[in-house]
Every structure is written in C-alpha cells, then in structure tokens.
Amino acid sequence: MLARMVFSVPVFGWMLREAFTGPTTAKLLFILNLVLVWILAIAYFGYPAIILPALTAVPVIFTTLIVITKG
C-alpha cells in the first residue's frame, strides 16, 4: 500500500516504479539522476548540501554497527 502511494506521486512516481520493476539500465539511470540532482544541490546550496546527507547517514551507520556487533 505504501509503495502504491509513493508510485502515484506525479513527478517521481513513474521514475521510482521504473527503478524498482524495470531493467538494469533503468536502475542505473535512476542512480545517475540522483547523483546529478545532488551535484546540482551542491552547486546551488553549497556546503549544506554536502553535510546534510552525511548527517542523516550517521544514525543509519551507527544502528548498523550496533546490529553487527550485537550478533
């Protein structure tokens, strides 16, 4: 149900649906688009566009390390 809601978003829904269900080329092009959008955000916003993804990745990596060491 959540996937249906996300896939129904007008601009990004069809890209996400194609990335999940499409061929490998579609997946690679989706990743390339994400990287290019991030580069454009860095060019437009500067330093915060570099720092914010790193700050959001900290809890994910921290949780992953705890799960790995917990066994």
PDB file of N, CA and C in Angstrom:
ATOM      1  N   MET A   1       0.814  -1.184   0.000  1.00  0.00           N
ATOM      2  CA  MET A   1       0.000   0.000   0.000  1.00  0.00           C
ATOM      3  C   MET A   1       0.862   1.254   0.000  1.00  0.00           C
ATOM      4  N   LEU A   2       1.948   1.226   0.774  1.00  0.00           N
ATOM      5  CA  LEU A   2       2.848   2.372   0.805  1.00  0.00           C
ATOM      6  C   LEU A   2       3.526   2.564  -0.545  1.00  0.00           C
ATOM      7  N   ALA A   3       3.911   1.454  -1.169  1.00  0.00           N
ATOM      8  CA  ALA A   3       4.537   1.551  -2.489  1.00  0.00           C
ATOM      9  C   ALA A   3       3.570   2.145  -3.506  1.00  0.00           C
ATOM     10  N   ARG A   4       2.289   1.796  -3.417  1.00  0.00           N
ATOM     11  CA  ARG A   4       1.303   2.369  -4.324  1.00  0.00           C
ATOM     12  C   ARG A   4       1.188   3.866  -4.156  1.00  0.00           C
ATOM     13  N   MET A   5       1.234   4.320  -2.900  1.00  0.00           N
ATOM     14  CA  MET A   5       1.151   5.756  -2.641  1.00  0.00           C
ATOM     15  C   MET A   5       2.373   6.476  -3.185  1.00  0.00           C
ATOM     16  N   VAL A   6       3.546   5.893  -2.980  1.00  0.00           N
ATOM     17  CA  VAL A   6       4.776   6.520  -3.458  1.00  0.00           C
ATOM     18  C   VAL A   6       4.818   6.518  -4.984  1.00  0.00           C
ATOM     19  N   PHE A   7       4.378   5.428  -5.588  1.00  0.00           N
ATOM     20  CA  PHE A   7       4.395   5.343  -7.045  1.00  0.00           C
ATOM     21  C   PHE A   7       3.369   6.262  -7.694  1.00  0.00           C
ATOM     22  N   SER A   8       2.388   6.741  -6.934  1.00  0.00           N
ATOM     23  CA  SER A   8       1.376   7.623  -7.506  1.00  0.00           C
ATOM     24  C   SER A   8       1.757   9.102  -7.434  1.00  0.00           C
ATOM     25  N   VAL A   9       2.919   9.426  -6.882  1.00  0.00           N
ATOM     26  CA  VAL A   9       3.385  10.810  -6.860  1.00  0.00           C
ATOM     27  C   VAL A   9       3.662  11.233  -8.305  1.00  0.00           C
ATOM     28  N   PRO A  10       3.146  12.387  -8.729  1.00  0.00           N
ATOM     29  CA  PRO A  10       3.197  12.728 -10.153  1.00  0.00           C
ATOM     30  C   PRO A  10       4.592  12.781 -10.779  1.00  0.00           C
ATOM     31  N   VAL A  11       5.544  13.406 -10.150  1.00  0.00           N
ATOM     32  CA  VAL A  11       6.838  13.609 -10.803  1.00  0.00           C
ATOM     33  C   VAL A  11       7.770  12.428 -10.598  1.00  0.00           C
ATOM     34  N   PHE A  12       7.865  11.924  -9.376  1.00  0.00           N
ATOM     35  CA  PHE A  12       8.849  10.893  -9.064  1.00  0.00           C
ATOM     36  C   PHE A  12       8.296   9.477  -9.083  1.00  0.00           C
ATOM     37  N   GLY A  13       6.988   9.342  -9.095  1.00  0.00           N
ATOM     38  CA  GLY A  13       6.384   8.017  -9.015  1.00  0.00           C
ATOM     39  C   GLY A  13       6.759   7.104 -10.157  1.00  0.00           C
ATOM     40  N   TRP A  14       6.668   7.601 -11.375  1.00  0.00           N
ATOM     41  CA  TRP A  14       6.991   6.741 -12.522  1.00  0.00           C
ATOM     42  C   TRP A  14       8.468   6.397 -12.553  1.00  0.00           C
ATOM     43  N   MET A  15       9.327   7.322 -12.090  1.00  0.00           N
ATOM     44  CA  MET A  15      10.759   7.009 -12.059  1.00  0.00           C
ATOM     45  C   MET A  15      11.051   5.930 -11.019  1.00  0.00           C
ATOM     46  N   LEU A  16      10.424   6.042  -9.850  1.00  0.00           N
ATOM     47  CA  LEU A  16      10.634   5.033  -8.813  1.00  0.00           C
ATOM     48  C   LEU A  16      10.074   3.673  -9.235  1.00  0.00           C
ATOM     49  N   ARG A  17       8.897   3.677  -9.858  1.00  0.00           N
ATOM     50  CA  ARG A  17       8.308   2.413 -10.314  1.00  0.00           C
ATOM     51  C   ARG A  17       9.213   1.751 -11.340  1.00  0.00           C
ATOM     52  N   GLU A  18       9.739   2.550 -12.252  1.00  0.00           N
ATOM     53  CA  GLU A  18      10.639   2.002 -13.272  1.00  0.00           C
ATOM     54  C   GLU A  18      11.938   1.507 -12.645  1.00  0.00           C
ATOM     55  N   ALA A  19      12.418   2.194 -11.619  1.00  0.00           N
ATOM     56  CA  ALA A  19      13.660   1.765 -10.964  1.00  0.00           C
ATOM     57  C   ALA A  19      13.459   0.444 -10.220  1.00  0.00           C
ATOM     58  N   PHE A  20      12.272   0.242  -9.640  1.00  0.00           N
ATOM     59  CA  PHE A  20      12.032  -0.992  -8.899  1.00  0.00           C
ATOM     60  C   PHE A  20      11.667  -2.163  -9.800  1.00  0.00           C
ATOM     61  N   THR A  21      10.903  -1.907 -10.846  1.00  0.00           N
ATOM     62  CA  THR A  21      10.412  -3.018 -11.655  1.00  0.00           C
ATOM     63  C   THR A  21      11.055  -3.107 -13.030  1.00  0.00           C
ATOM     64  N   GLY A  22      11.810  -2.105 -13.421  1.00  0.00           N
ATOM     65  CA  GLY A  22      12.360  -2.069 -14.763  1.00  0.00           C
ATOM     66  C   GLY A  22      13.662  -2.826 -14.910  1.00  0.00           C
ATOM     67  N   PRO A  23      14.252  -2.721 -16.096  1.00  0.00           N
ATOM     68  CA  PRO A  23      15.524  -3.408 -16.343  1.00  0.00           C
ATOM     69  C   PRO A  23      16.681  -2.733 -15.609  1.00  0.00           C
ATOM     70  N   THR A  24      17.840  -3.325 -15.720  1.00  0.00           N
ATOM     71  CA  THR A  24      19.029  -2.818 -15.034  1.00  0.00           C
ATOM     72  C   THR A  24      19.396  -1.423 -15.513  1.00  0.00           C
ATOM     73  N   THR A  25      19.191  -1.140 -16.771  1.00  0.00           N
ATOM     74  CA  THR A  25      19.501   0.182 -17.310  1.00  0.00           C
ATOM     75  C   THR A  25      18.684   1.267 -16.605  1.00  0.00           C
ATOM     76  N   ALA A  26      17.436   0.984 -16.335  1.00  0.00           N
ATOM     77  CA  ALA A  26      16.587   1.959 -15.647  1.00  0.00           C
ATOM     78  C   ALA A  26      17.092   2.216 -14.228  1.00  0.00           C
ATOM     79  N   LYS A  27      17.557   1.173 -13.568  1.00  0.00           N
ATOM     80  CA  LYS A  27      18.098   1.332 -12.213  1.00  0.00           C
ATOM     81  C   LYS A  27      19.359   2.195 -12.214  1.00  0.00           C
ATOM     82  N   LEU A  28      20.228   1.943 -13.182  1.00  0.00           N
ATOM     83  CA  LEU A  28      21.463   2.724 -13.270  1.00  0.00           C
ATOM     84  C   LEU A  28      21.178   4.186 -13.616  1.00  0.00           C
ATOM     85  N   LEU A  29      20.232   4.412 -14.513  1.00  0.00           N
ATOM     86  CA  LEU A  29      19.881   5.784 -14.865  1.00  0.00           C
ATOM     87  C   LEU A  29      19.219   6.508 -13.697  1.00  0.00           C
ATOM     88  N   PHE A  30      18.449   5.803 -12.880  1.00  0.00           N
ATOM     89  CA  PHE A  30      17.847   6.406 -11.694  1.00  0.00           C
ATOM     90  C   PHE A  30      18.924   6.829 -10.703  1.00  0.00           C
ATOM     91  N   ILE A  31      19.907   5.980 -10.489  1.00  0.00           N
ATOM     92  CA  ILE A  31      21.015   6.320  -9.588  1.00  0.00           C
ATOM     93  C   ILE A  31      21.807   7.496 -10.146  1.00  0.00           C
ATOM     94  N   LEU A  32      22.029   7.506 -11.453  1.00  0.00           N
ATOM     95  CA  LEU A  32      22.724   8.623 -12.085  1.00  0.00           C
ATOM     96  C   LEU A  32      21.945   9.929 -11.894  1.00  0.00           C
ATOM     97  N   ASN A  33      20.624   9.873 -12.028  1.00  0.00           N
ATOM     98  CA  ASN A  33      19.807  11.059 -11.802  1.00  0.00           C
ATOM     99  C   ASN A  33      19.910  11.549 -10.370  1.00  0.00           C
ATOM    100  N   LEU A  34      19.911  10.637  -9.406  1.00  0.00           N
ATOM    101  CA  LEU A  34      20.059  11.043  -8.007  1.00  0.00           C
ATOM    102  C   LEU A  34      21.395  11.730  -7.761  1.00  0.00           C
ATOM    103  N   VAL A  35      22.452  11.186  -8.345  1.00  0.00           N
ATOM    104  CA  VAL A  35      23.778  11.791  -8.190  1.00  0.00           C
ATOM    105  C   VAL A  35      23.822  13.179  -8.834  1.00  0.00           C
ATOM    106  N   LEU A  36      23.224  13.311  -9.996  1.00  0.00           N
ATOM    107  CA  LEU A  36      23.220  14.613 -10.672  1.00  0.00           C
ATOM    108  C   LEU A  36      22.394  15.649  -9.913  1.00  0.00           C
ATOM    109  N   VAL A  37      21.285  15.228  -9.329  1.00  0.00           N
ATOM    110  CA  VAL A  37      20.497  16.156  -8.510  1.00  0.00           C
ATOM    111  C   VAL A  37      21.293  16.584  -7.287  1.00  0.00           C
ATOM    112  N   TRP A  38      22.035  15.651  -6.699  1.00  0.00           N
ATOM    113  CA  TRP A  38      22.866  16.006  -5.547  1.00  0.00           C
ATOM    114  C   TRP A  38      23.961  16.995  -5.959  1.00  0.00           C
ATOM    115  N   ILE A  39      24.572  16.797  -7.101  1.00  0.00           N
ATOM    116  CA  ILE A  39      25.601  17.726  -7.584  1.00  0.00           C
ATOM    117  C   ILE A  39      25.002  19.107  -7.849  1.00  0.00           C
ATOM    118  N   LEU A  40      23.810  19.149  -8.425  1.00  0.00           N
ATOM    119  CA  LEU A  40      23.143  20.439  -8.633  1.00  0.00           C
ATOM    120  C   LEU A  40      22.806  21.113  -7.303  1.00  0.00           C
ATOM    121  N   ALA A  41      22.411  20.336  -6.310  1.00  0.00           N
ATOM    122  CA  ALA A  41      22.135  20.906  -4.984  1.00  0.00           C
ATOM    123  C   ALA A  41      23.407  21.463  -4.366  1.00  0.00           C
ATOM    124  N   ILE A  42      24.533  20.787  -4.565  1.00  0.00           N
ATOM    125  CA  ILE A  42      25.810  21.291  -4.052  1.00  0.00           C
ATOM    126  C   ILE A  42      26.171  22.582  -4.760  1.00  0.00           C
ATOM    127  N   ALA A  43      25.949  22.639  -6.056  1.00  0.00           N
ATOM    128  CA  ALA A  43      26.259  23.861  -6.804  1.00  0.00           C
ATOM    129  C   ALA A  43      25.359  25.014  -6.374  1.00  0.00           C
ATOM    130  N   TYR A  44      24.107  24.715  -6.050  1.00  0.00           N
ATOM    131  CA  TYR A  44      23.161  25.774  -5.704  1.00  0.00           C
ATOM    132  C   TYR A  44      23.249  26.172  -4.226  1.00  0.00           C
ATOM    133  N   PHE A  45      23.268  25.171  -3.317  1.00  0.00           N
ATOM    134  CA  PHE A  45      23.243  25.453  -1.885  1.00  0.00           C
ATOM    135  C   PHE A  45      24.620  25.446  -1.237  1.00  0.00           C
ATOM    136  N   GLY A  46      25.585  24.798  -1.871  1.00  0.00           N
ATOM    137  CA  GLY A  46      26.937  24.791  -1.347  1.00  0.00           C
ATOM    138  C   GLY A  46      27.160  23.736  -0.270  1.00  0.00           C
ATOM    139  N   TYR A  47      27.844  24.144   0.777  1.00  0.00           N
ATOM    140  CA  TYR A  47      28.300  23.249   1.842  1.00  0.00           C
ATOM    141  C   TYR A  47      27.168  22.473   2.529  1.00  0.00           C
ATOM    142  N   PRO A  48      26.017  23.072   2.832  1.00  0.00           N
ATOM    143  CA  PRO A  48      24.962  22.287   3.489  1.00  0.00           C
ATOM    144  C   PRO A  48      24.492  21.084   2.678  1.00  0.00           C
ATOM    145  N   ALA A  49      24.523  21.163   1.376  1.00  0.00           N
ATOM    146  CA  ALA A  49      24.111  20.030   0.550  1.00  0.00           C
ATOM    147  C   ALA A  49      25.095  18.873   0.646  1.00  0.00           C
ATOM    148  N   ILE A  50      26.317  19.142   1.042  1.00  0.00           N
ATOM    149  CA  ILE A  50      27.303  18.078   1.247  1.00  0.00           C
ATOM    150  C   ILE A  50      27.149  17.483   2.642  1.00  0.00           C
ATOM    151  N   ILE A  51      26.897  18.339   3.633  1.00  0.00           N
ATOM    152  CA  ILE A  51      26.867  17.910   5.023  1.00  0.00           C
ATOM    153  C   ILE A  51      25.573  17.176   5.386  1.00  0.00           C
ATOM    154  N   LEU A  52      24.431  17.605   4.901  1.00  0.00           N
ATOM    155  CA  LEU A  52      23.156  17.012   5.320  1.00  0.00           C
ATOM    156  C   LEU A  52      23.029  15.520   5.005  1.00  0.00           C
ATOM    157  N   PRO A  53      23.439  15.035   3.830  1.00  0.00           N
ATOM    158  CA  PRO A  53      23.384  13.581   3.632  1.00  0.00           C
ATOM    159  C   PRO A  53      24.306  12.819   4.585  1.00  0.00           C
ATOM    160  N   ALA A  54      25.444  13.400   4.912  1.00  0.00           N
ATOM    161  CA  ALA A  54      26.344  12.744   5.856  1.00  0.00           C
ATOM    162  C   ALA A  54      25.731  12.704   7.253  1.00  0.00           C
ATOM    163  N   LEU A  55      25.082  13.779   7.659  1.00  0.00           N
ATOM    164  CA  LEU A  55      24.454  13.807   8.979  1.00  0.00           C
ATOM    165  C   LEU A  55      23.265  12.865   9.061  1.00  0.00           C
ATOM    166  N   THR A  56      22.545  12.693   7.982  1.00  0.00           N
ATOM    167  CA  THR A  56      21.429  11.747   8.005  1.00  0.00           C
ATOM    168  C   THR A  56      21.913  10.298   7.927  1.00  0.00           C
ATOM    169  N   ALA A  57      23.099  10.084   7.409  1.00  0.00           N
ATOM    170  CA  ALA A  57      23.635   8.726   7.333  1.00  0.00           C
ATOM    171  C   ALA A  57      24.223   8.257   8.665  1.00  0.00           C
ATOM    172  N   VAL A  58      24.548   9.178   9.561  1.00  0.00           N
ATOM    173  CA  VAL A  58      25.167   8.811  10.833  1.00  0.00           C
ATOM    174  C   VAL A  58      24.283   7.863  11.643  1.00  0.00           C
ATOM    175  N   PRO A  59      23.000   8.148  11.873  1.00  0.00           N
ATOM    176  CA  PRO A  59      22.197   7.189  12.652  1.00  0.00           C
ATOM    177  C   PRO A  59      22.045   5.833  11.972  1.00  0.00           C
ATOM    178  N   VAL A  60      21.976   5.829  10.653  1.00  0.00           N
ATOM    179  CA  VAL A  60      21.842   4.560   9.929  1.00  0.00           C
ATOM    180  C   VAL A  60      23.094   3.712  10.107  1.00  0.00           C
ATOM    181  N   ILE A  61      24.246   4.298   9.924  1.00  0.00           N
ATOM    182  CA  ILE A  61      25.506   3.564  10.085  1.00  0.00           C
ATOM    183  C   ILE A  61      25.705   3.146  11.530  1.00  0.00           C
ATOM    184  N   PHE A  62      25.354   4.033  12.469  1.00  0.00           N
ATOM    185  CA  PHE A  62      25.502   3.726  13.885  1.00  0.00           C
ATOM    186  C   PHE A  62      24.624   2.535  14.266  1.00  0.00           C
ATOM    187  N   THR A  63      23.382   2.517  13.793  1.00  0.00           N
ATOM    188  CA  THR A  63      22.485   1.404  14.064  1.00  0.00           C
ATOM    189  C   THR A  63      22.996   0.122  13.419  1.00  0.00           C
ATOM    190  N   THR A  64      23.519   0.231  12.208  1.00  0.00           N
ATOM    191  CA  THR A  64      24.075  -0.936  11.530  1.00  0.00           C
ATOM    192  C   THR A  64      25.253  -1.514  12.304  1.00  0.00           C
ATOM    193  N   LEU A  65      26.118  -0.661  12.800  1.00  0.00           N
ATOM    194  CA  LEU A  65      27.252  -1.140  13.590  1.00  0.00           C
ATOM    195  C   LEU A  65      26.811  -1.805  14.873  1.00  0.00           C
ATOM    196  N   ILE A  66      25.796  -1.277  15.519  1.00  0.00           N
ATOM    197  CA  ILE A  66      25.288  -1.896  16.743  1.00  0.00           C
ATOM    198  C   ILE A  66      24.692  -3.263  16.441  1.00  0.00           C
ATOM    199  N   VAL A  67      23.942  -3.374  15.362  1.00  0.00           N
ATOM    200  CA  VAL A  67      23.337  -4.662  14.998  1.00  0.00           C
ATOM    201  C   VAL A  67      24.410  -5.671  14.648  1.00  0.00           C
ATOM    202  N   ILE A  68      25.446  -5.246  13.951  1.00  0.00           N
ATOM    203  CA  ILE A  68      26.522  -6.163  13.572  1.00  0.00           C
ATOM    204  C   ILE A  68      27.277  -6.654  14.801  1.00  0.00           C
ATOM    205  N   THR A  69      27.596  -5.744  15.708  1.00  0.00           N
ATOM    206  CA  THR A  69      28.377  -6.164  16.880  1.00  0.00           C
ATOM    207  C   THR A  69      27.532  -6.907  17.896  1.00  0.00           C
ATOM    208  N   LYS A  70      26.223  -6.717  17.893  1.00  0.00           N
ATOM    209  CA  LYS A  70      25.357  -7.423  18.812  1.00  0.00           C
ATOM    210  C   LYS A  70      25.269  -8.906  18.457  1.00  0.00           C
ATOM    211  N   GLY A  71      25.412  -9.203  17.192  1.00  0.00           N
ATOM    212  CA  GLY A  71      25.448 -10.597  16.764  1.00  0.00           C
ATOM    213  C   GLY A  71      24.109 -11.078  16.443  1.00  0.00           C
TER     214      GLY A  71
END
